[in-house]
Protein backbone atom coordinates (compact mmCIF):
# COMPACT_ATOMS: atom_id res chain seq x y z
CA UNK A 1 104.78 -47.10 17.05
CA UNK A 2 107.84 -45.36 18.41
CA UNK A 3 105.87 -43.71 21.18
CA UNK A 4 104.60 -46.75 23.07
CA UNK A 5 104.43 -46.33 26.80
CA UNK A 6 105.64 -48.86 29.34
CA UNK A 7 103.35 -50.92 31.51
CA UNK A 8 104.48 -48.92 34.57
CA UNK A 9 103.65 -45.62 32.85
CA UNK A 10 100.23 -46.96 31.92
CA UNK A 11 99.54 -48.11 35.48
CA UNK A 12 100.61 -44.72 36.86
CA UNK A 13 98.33 -42.98 34.37
CA UNK A 14 95.45 -45.28 35.33
CA UNK A 15 95.96 -44.58 39.05
CA UNK A 16 95.97 -40.83 38.44
CA UNK A 17 92.83 -41.00 36.32
CA UNK A 18 91.02 -43.07 38.97
CA UNK A 19 92.08 -40.59 41.66
CA UNK A 20 90.80 -37.68 39.56
CA UNK A 21 87.50 -39.46 38.94
CA UNK A 22 87.16 -40.07 42.68
CA UNK A 23 87.76 -36.37 43.40
CA UNK A 24 85.28 -35.30 40.74
CA UNK A 25 82.65 -37.75 41.98
CA UNK A 26 83.09 -36.41 45.52
CA UNK A 27 82.66 -32.83 44.29
CA UNK A 28 79.50 -33.79 42.42
CA UNK A 29 78.17 -35.61 45.48
CA UNK A 30 78.77 -32.55 47.68
CA UNK A 31 77.13 -30.23 45.14
CA UNK A 32 74.10 -32.49 44.90
CA UNK A 33 73.82 -32.65 48.69
CA UNK A 34 74.15 -28.86 48.95
CA UNK A 35 71.49 -28.42 46.28
CA UNK A 36 69.07 -30.72 48.11
CA UNK A 37 69.69 -28.93 51.43
CA UNK A 38 69.26 -25.53 49.82
CA UNK A 39 66.05 -26.62 48.10
CA UNK A 40 64.73 -28.03 51.37
CA UNK A 41 65.46 -24.80 53.25
CA UNK A 42 63.91 -22.74 50.48
CA UNK A 43 60.73 -24.83 50.52
CA UNK A 44 60.55 -24.67 54.32
CA UNK A 45 60.91 -20.88 54.32
CA UNK A 46 58.53 -20.49 51.40
CA UNK A 47 55.84 -22.54 53.16
CA UNK A 48 56.21 -20.39 56.27
CA UNK A 49 55.98 -17.24 54.19
CA UNK A 50 59.40 -16.04 55.31
CA UNK A 51 61.69 -14.19 52.95
CA UNK A 52 65.26 -14.89 51.97
CA UNK A 53 66.49 -12.79 54.87
CA UNK A 54 65.09 -15.38 57.24
CA UNK A 55 66.90 -18.19 55.39
CA UNK A 56 70.11 -16.21 55.59
CA UNK A 57 69.67 -15.75 59.36
CA UNK A 58 68.95 -19.44 59.85
CA UNK A 59 72.10 -20.38 57.93
CA UNK A 60 74.21 -18.00 60.01
CA UNK A 61 72.74 -19.27 63.27
CA UNK A 62 73.54 -22.85 62.27
CA UNK A 63 77.11 -21.83 61.49
CA UNK A 64 77.35 -19.72 64.68
CA UNK A 65 78.19 -16.63 62.64
CA UNK A 66 74.94 -14.73 63.15
CA UNK A 67 75.15 -10.99 62.53
CA UNK A 68 71.84 -9.12 62.28
CA UNK A 69 71.33 -6.95 59.22
């Protein structure tokens, strides 16, 4: 057991792991939210019979970056 770590090293490791888990959980949360929004837009456009081009235009208008094809 020559390679035991100190209490301080363990606490630092724990803090870093918790921070990484928080970052990963945030990324997952954002991806899930994006997926739900994308699915909602797709269903809305599909119900209206509009194609993907319409969805693209709507996204650009919302972001104020609209450029017609």
